[in-house]
Amino acid sequence: MSTEKTGKTDRTAEMETFLSVACTGSLSAAARELDLTPSAVSRIMTRLEKRLGVRLIVRSTRKLRLTSEGESYALAARRILKDLADTESSIASRGSPSGSIKVTTATAHSRLTIVPLLKEFLQRYPDIRIEIDVSDQIRDVQAGHVDVAIRFGQLPDSGLHARRLGETGRVVLASPDYLAKAGVPQTPADLAHHNCLDFSFRRLEPGWPFRENNQDYMLAVSGNVIANNGETLVELALQGIGITRVGCFHVQQALATGQLVALLEDYNPQDREAIHAVFIGGHTMPARVRVFVDYLVEKMTGKAKTAD
């Protein structure tokens, strides 16, 4: 790879060089990765900073650090290079989608819903590769970290596109062993005397919702364990550690077999969390992402409609 051009600047190669420096934290490491000399990488960085009129990296004796301008440039560079690669891939595929799709979804939802659907999808589109990021935390689609995010609940305002895949309810529950020791809460206020196991990340609506005297409200809860995914909270509840509130899809079997007991159902607001596939749409949307979202809608809702 060479970015030492005369005349017109190769800005794409500059972006690749800058991102390599940003990721490795070292000019010499970036040089090895790009098959360039360290002095060549240094000249490229100097030329880039001079043209932009700002400092993108702060050099120290230990490791390079991005400035705030450098962070902004890195975000834009990743998007530009990804869009370029997607465009070339889409043109080269000539209607046969190919390439990699990074999908993020909640832990249990991945195991129970998404994974069972992948075999048929990959048979339909053998040139597509799926990378699954299993986490209940929200990944940044806008920044290009993932292509499709399966999200639950209210969506924040953004420039992203979303397709509805379904909905799920939520339930407060505990194991019979825990209830035998700690007692059964009769009202939401009783939860103040119980060990409540909650998610570690902040949701748009913090707390647990209840309905009492025809009034909906959020109740703050606390306990000695928090977790970043629903499956862990369910396992903690099964072990008799406390009370938790999770999506119904997590616990249908455990409730049916009596391993877990639903609580405070008279106060359940019967809130339904919508499930959406969130992605960057528009005319630049890669064909592989489009067919994947369409496939999820087809299989999870029974509707065949094209994403845009």
Protein backbone atom coordinates (compact mmCIF):
# COMPACT_ATOMS: atom_id res chain seq x y z
CA MET A 1 0.00 0.00 0.00
CA SER A 2 1.35 3.42 -0.85
CA THR A 3 -0.17 6.83 -0.17
CA GLU A 4 2.86 8.81 -1.32
CA LYS A 5 1.22 10.31 -4.40
CA THR A 6 2.12 13.45 -6.24
CA GLY A 7 -0.60 15.93 -7.15
CA LYS A 8 -4.05 14.92 -5.96
CA THR A 9 -4.18 13.51 -2.43
CA ASP A 10 -5.39 9.92 -1.96
CA ARG A 11 -7.79 10.70 0.85
CA THR A 12 -9.12 7.15 1.09
CA ALA A 13 -5.62 5.85 1.80
CA GLU A 14 -5.10 8.68 4.28
CA MET A 15 -8.23 7.60 6.15
CA GLU A 16 -7.05 3.98 6.19
CA THR A 17 -3.67 5.08 7.54
CA PHE A 18 -5.22 7.30 10.19
CA LEU A 19 -7.59 4.54 11.35
CA SER A 20 -4.70 2.08 11.55
CA VAL A 21 -2.77 4.54 13.74
CA ALA A 22 -5.87 5.12 15.87
CA CYS A 23 -6.52 1.39 16.33
CA THR A 24 -2.93 0.33 17.01
CA GLY A 25 -1.98 3.41 19.03
CA SER A 26 1.43 3.51 17.39
CA LEU A 27 2.99 4.81 14.17
CA SER A 28 5.33 1.83 13.97
CA ALA A 29 2.52 -0.70 14.55
CA ALA A 30 0.42 1.01 11.88
CA ALA A 31 3.41 0.94 9.52
CA ARG A 32 3.76 -2.83 10.00
CA GLU A 33 0.05 -3.34 9.45
CA LEU A 34 0.06 -1.26 6.24
CA ASP A 35 3.44 -2.44 4.94
CA LEU A 36 4.85 1.09 5.08
CA THR A 37 7.83 2.63 6.82
CA PRO A 38 7.21 4.52 10.09
CA SER A 39 8.51 7.69 8.46
CA ALA A 40 5.98 7.32 5.63
CA VAL A 41 3.14 6.94 8.14
CA SER A 42 4.41 9.97 10.05
CA ARG A 43 4.49 12.06 6.86
CA ILE A 44 0.93 11.02 5.99
CA MET A 45 -0.33 11.97 9.44
CA THR A 46 1.50 15.31 9.35
CA ARG A 47 0.11 16.08 5.88
CA LEU A 48 -3.43 15.15 6.99
CA GLU A 49 -3.29 17.35 10.09
CA LYS A 50 -1.82 20.23 8.08
CA ARG A 51 -4.57 20.02 5.45
CA LEU A 52 -7.34 19.87 8.10
CA GLY A 53 -5.72 22.57 10.22
CA VAL A 54 -6.23 20.64 13.48
CA ARG A 55 -4.32 18.14 15.58
CA LEU A 56 -5.83 14.66 15.33
CA ILE A 57 -3.50 12.75 17.64
CA VAL A 58 -1.47 13.61 20.71
CA ARG A 59 1.89 11.89 20.75
CA SER A 60 3.28 10.71 24.08
CA THR A 61 6.13 8.45 25.12
CA ARG A 62 3.74 5.57 25.80
CA LYS A 63 0.88 5.63 23.30
CA LEU A 64 -0.85 7.91 20.82
CA ARG A 65 -4.18 9.39 21.88
CA LEU A 66 -6.89 10.85 19.69
CA THR A 67 -8.00 14.42 20.24
CA SER A 68 -11.70 15.25 20.13
CA GLU A 69 -11.19 16.26 16.49
CA GLY A 70 -9.44 12.95 15.92
CA GLU A 71 -12.39 11.04 17.40
CA SER A 72 -14.77 12.88 15.07
CA TYR A 73 -12.55 12.21 12.06
CA ALA A 74 -12.22 8.53 12.96
CA LEU A 75 -16.01 8.16 13.20
CA ALA A 76 -16.50 9.82 9.80
CA ALA A 77 -13.64 7.88 8.20
CA ARG A 78 -15.05 4.52 9.30
CA ARG A 79 -18.44 5.40 7.85
CA ILE A 80 -16.99 6.65 4.55
CA LEU A 81 -14.77 3.60 4.05
CA LYS A 82 -17.61 1.26 5.00
CA ASP A 83 -19.99 2.99 2.58
CA LEU A 84 -17.37 2.73 -0.17
CA ALA A 85 -16.83 -0.98 0.50
CA ASP A 86 -20.59 -1.58 0.63
CA THR A 87 -21.11 0.24 -2.67
CA GLU A 88 -18.38 -1.72 -4.42
CA SER A 89 -19.67 -4.99 -2.97
CA SER A 90 -23.24 -4.21 -4.04
CA ILE A 91 -22.16 -3.40 -7.59
CA ALA A 92 -19.87 -6.42 -7.81
CA SER A 93 -22.54 -8.79 -6.52
CA ARG A 94 -24.92 -7.82 -9.36
CA GLY A 95 -28.04 -8.68 -7.39
CA SER A 96 -26.55 -11.63 -5.52
CA PRO A 97 -26.01 -10.23 -2.00
CA SER A 98 -22.65 -11.01 -0.44
CA GLY A 99 -20.37 -9.83 2.33
CA SER A 100 -20.53 -9.64 6.11
CA ILE A 101 -23.42 -8.53 8.31
CA LYS A 102 -22.83 -7.74 11.97
CA VAL A 103 -25.99 -8.26 14.03
CA THR A 104 -26.46 -7.47 17.71
CA THR A 105 -29.30 -8.84 19.79
CA ALA A 106 -30.19 -9.68 23.37
CA THR A 107 -28.65 -12.87 24.73
CA ALA A 108 -31.80 -14.96 25.17
CA HIS A 109 -33.47 -13.57 22.05
CA SER A 110 -30.45 -14.59 20.01
CA ARG A 111 -30.55 -18.16 21.31
CA LEU A 112 -34.33 -18.61 21.20
CA THR A 113 -35.29 -16.63 18.08
CA ILE A 114 -32.50 -15.33 15.85
CA VAL A 115 -30.13 -18.32 15.77
CA PRO A 116 -32.87 -20.82 14.78
CA LEU A 117 -33.66 -18.62 11.75
CA LEU A 118 -30.11 -18.40 10.42
CA LYS A 119 -29.81 -21.82 8.78
CA GLU A 120 -32.48 -21.12 6.16
CA PHE A 121 -31.20 -17.58 5.58
CA LEU A 122 -27.64 -18.80 4.93
CA GLN A 123 -28.99 -21.45 2.59
CA ARG A 124 -30.79 -18.73 0.63
CA TYR A 125 -27.75 -16.45 0.58
CA PRO A 126 -24.61 -18.60 0.73
CA ASP A 127 -22.31 -15.63 -0.03
CA ILE A 128 -23.36 -13.74 3.10
CA ARG A 129 -21.45 -14.10 6.36
CA ILE A 130 -23.17 -13.35 9.70
CA GLU A 131 -21.33 -12.02 12.75
CA ILE A 132 -23.50 -12.14 15.88
CA ASP A 133 -22.80 -9.78 18.77
CA VAL A 134 -24.79 -11.17 21.70
CA SER A 135 -25.43 -8.52 24.33
CA ASP A 136 -28.37 -6.85 26.04
CA GLN A 137 -26.52 -3.53 25.84
CA ILE A 138 -27.21 -1.11 23.00
CA ARG A 139 -24.58 -1.05 20.28
CA ASP A 140 -24.08 2.04 18.08
CA VAL A 141 -25.61 1.44 14.66
CA GLN A 142 -25.22 5.07 13.63
CA ALA A 143 -21.45 4.89 14.11
CA GLY A 144 -21.21 1.77 11.97
CA HIS A 145 -20.28 -0.61 14.81
CA VAL A 146 -23.07 -2.99 13.76
CA ASP A 147 -25.27 -3.30 10.67
CA VAL A 148 -28.51 -4.46 12.32
CA ALA A 149 -29.52 -4.15 15.97
CA ILE A 150 -32.50 -6.04 17.38
CA ARG A 151 -33.87 -3.67 20.01
CA PHE A 152 -36.61 -3.93 22.60
CA GLY A 153 -38.85 -1.17 23.88
CA GLN A 154 -39.11 2.49 22.99
CA LEU A 155 -36.62 3.65 20.38
CA PRO A 156 -34.79 6.94 20.85
CA ASP A 157 -35.11 9.61 18.17
CA SER A 158 -32.44 9.14 15.52
CA GLY A 159 -31.88 9.14 11.80
CA LEU A 160 -31.97 5.34 11.75
CA HIS A 161 -34.60 3.18 10.08
CA ALA A 162 -36.58 0.53 12.00
CA ARG A 163 -38.77 -2.43 11.08
CA ARG A 164 -41.14 -3.92 13.63
CA LEU A 165 -40.54 -7.63 14.27
CA GLY A 166 -43.06 -8.25 17.05
CA GLU A 167 -43.53 -7.52 20.73
CA THR A 168 -43.11 -9.14 24.13
CA GLY A 169 -44.48 -8.63 27.62
CA ARG A 170 -42.49 -8.48 30.85
CA VAL A 171 -43.01 -10.24 34.15
CA VAL A 172 -41.81 -9.92 37.76
CA LEU A 173 -40.83 -13.31 39.18
CA ALA A 174 -38.82 -15.32 41.68
CA SER A 175 -38.16 -18.94 42.60
CA PRO A 176 -40.31 -20.83 45.13
CA ASP A 177 -37.21 -21.24 47.35
CA TYR A 178 -36.64 -17.48 47.52
CA LEU A 179 -40.30 -16.80 48.27
CA ALA A 180 -40.33 -19.45 51.01
CA LYS A 181 -37.46 -17.67 52.74
CA ALA A 182 -38.23 -14.00 52.03
CA GLY A 183 -42.00 -14.05 51.71
CA VAL A 184 -44.27 -13.18 48.80
CA PRO A 185 -44.63 -9.45 48.02
CA GLN A 186 -48.30 -8.50 48.01
CA THR A 187 -47.91 -4.97 46.59
CA PRO A 188 -45.14 -3.22 44.64
CA ALA A 189 -44.23 -1.28 47.79
CA ASP A 190 -43.23 -4.58 49.40
CA LEU A 191 -40.31 -4.82 46.96
CA ALA A 192 -38.45 -2.34 49.17
CA HIS A 193 -37.93 -5.29 51.54
CA HIS A 194 -36.72 -7.70 48.85
CA ASN A 195 -33.53 -8.31 46.90
CA CYS A 196 -34.39 -7.05 43.39
CA LEU A 197 -32.10 -8.10 40.55
CA ASP A 198 -32.00 -5.55 37.74
CA PHE A 199 -30.15 -4.72 34.54
CA SER A 200 -26.85 -2.89 34.89
CA PHE A 201 -27.37 -0.59 31.90
CA ARG A 202 -29.64 2.44 31.87
CA ARG A 203 -32.91 2.09 29.99
CA LEU A 204 -34.98 4.96 28.59
CA GLU A 205 -37.47 4.39 31.43
CA PRO A 206 -35.55 3.54 34.65
CA GLY A 207 -37.20 1.42 37.33
CA TRP A 208 -39.97 -1.18 37.15
CA PRO A 209 -43.43 -0.09 35.92
CA PHE A 210 -46.60 -0.91 37.82
CA ARG A 211 -50.28 0.06 37.67
CA GLU A 212 -52.13 0.81 40.88
CA ASN A 213 -55.54 2.47 41.25
CA ASN A 214 -55.56 3.00 37.47
CA GLN A 215 -52.32 4.97 37.69
CA ASP A 216 -49.11 3.87 35.99
CA TYR A 217 -45.82 4.66 37.73
CA MET A 218 -42.16 3.64 37.82
CA LEU A 219 -40.79 2.11 41.01
CA ALA A 220 -37.08 2.28 41.82
CA VAL A 221 -35.72 -1.07 43.03
CA SER A 222 -32.41 -2.23 44.45
CA GLY A 223 -30.53 -5.43 45.16
CA ASN A 224 -27.08 -6.92 45.61
CA VAL A 225 -26.57 -8.14 42.03
CA ILE A 226 -27.00 -6.43 38.66
CA ALA A 227 -26.28 -7.93 35.24
CA ASN A 228 -26.03 -6.79 31.65
CA ASN A 229 -28.28 -9.50 30.22
CA GLY A 230 -31.61 -11.15 30.94
CA GLU A 231 -30.38 -14.74 30.90
CA THR A 232 -28.08 -14.04 33.84
CA LEU A 233 -30.91 -12.40 35.77
CA VAL A 234 -33.12 -15.43 35.12
CA GLU A 235 -30.38 -17.80 36.30
CA LEU A 236 -29.90 -15.72 39.47
CA ALA A 237 -33.63 -15.91 40.13
CA LEU A 238 -33.59 -19.69 39.57
CA GLN A 239 -30.81 -19.92 42.17
CA GLY A 240 -33.09 -18.23 44.71
CA ILE A 241 -31.02 -15.06 45.01
CA GLY A 242 -33.83 -12.57 44.48
CA ILE A 243 -36.69 -11.15 42.41
CA THR A 244 -36.22 -9.96 38.84
CA ARG A 245 -38.24 -8.53 35.95
CA VAL A 246 -37.49 -9.78 32.44
CA GLY A 247 -39.10 -10.32 29.07
CA CYS A 248 -41.61 -13.16 28.92
CA PHE A 249 -39.70 -14.87 26.12
CA HIS A 250 -36.92 -15.61 28.63
CA VAL A 251 -39.04 -17.58 31.08
CA GLN A 252 -42.03 -19.25 29.42
CA GLN A 253 -40.75 -22.75 30.17
CA ALA A 254 -39.58 -21.95 33.71
CA LEU A 255 -43.00 -20.49 34.56
CA ALA A 256 -44.81 -23.44 33.01
CA THR A 257 -42.78 -25.96 35.05
CA GLY A 258 -43.04 -24.02 38.31
CA GLN A 259 -39.31 -23.29 38.54
CA LEU A 260 -40.24 -19.62 38.70
CA VAL A 261 -43.38 -17.91 39.99
CA ALA A 262 -44.93 -14.76 38.51
CA LEU A 263 -45.47 -12.01 41.08
CA LEU A 264 -47.62 -8.88 41.41
CA GLU A 265 -49.62 -9.73 38.29
CA ASP A 266 -52.55 -7.63 39.58
CA TYR A 267 -50.20 -4.64 39.34
CA ASN A 268 -48.67 -5.59 35.99
CA PRO A 269 -49.35 -2.69 33.61
CA GLN A 270 -49.38 -5.25 30.79
CA ASP A 271 -46.82 -3.12 29.06
CA ARG A 272 -45.71 -4.54 25.77
CA GLU A 273 -42.22 -3.93 24.47
CA ALA A 274 -42.00 -3.68 20.71
CA ILE A 275 -39.16 -5.55 19.02
CA HIS A 276 -37.50 -3.73 16.10
CA ALA A 277 -34.68 -4.31 13.67
CA VAL A 278 -32.75 -1.03 13.56
CA PHE A 279 -30.40 -0.20 10.69
CA ILE A 280 -29.11 2.55 8.41
CA GLY A 281 -31.56 2.66 5.51
CA GLY A 282 -31.80 4.69 2.34
CA HIS A 283 -30.49 4.20 -1.17
CA THR A 284 -26.99 3.31 0.06
CA MET A 285 -28.27 0.42 2.18
CA PRO A 286 -26.27 -2.69 1.21
CA ALA A 287 -28.26 -5.46 -0.46
CA ARG A 288 -27.09 -7.99 2.14
CA VAL A 289 -28.54 -5.88 4.98
CA ARG A 290 -31.77 -5.32 3.06
CA VAL A 291 -32.39 -9.03 2.46
CA PHE A 292 -31.53 -9.90 6.07
CA VAL A 293 -34.01 -7.39 7.50
CA ASP A 294 -36.66 -8.50 5.01
CA TYR A 295 -36.05 -12.11 6.04
CA LEU A 296 -36.49 -11.32 9.75
CA VAL A 297 -39.75 -9.49 9.04
CA GLU A 298 -40.97 -12.40 6.91
CA LYS A 299 -40.19 -15.03 9.54
CA MET A 300 -41.11 -13.12 12.70
CA THR A 301 -44.27 -11.38 11.48
CA GLY A 302 -45.30 -13.40 8.44
CA LYS A 303 -45.16 -10.25 6.32
CA ALA A 304 -43.00 -9.94 3.22
CA LYS A 305 -42.14 -6.29 2.70
CA THR A 306 -38.97 -4.65 1.45
CA ALA A 307 -36.78 -2.63 3.83
CA ASP A 308 -35.74 0.87 2.80
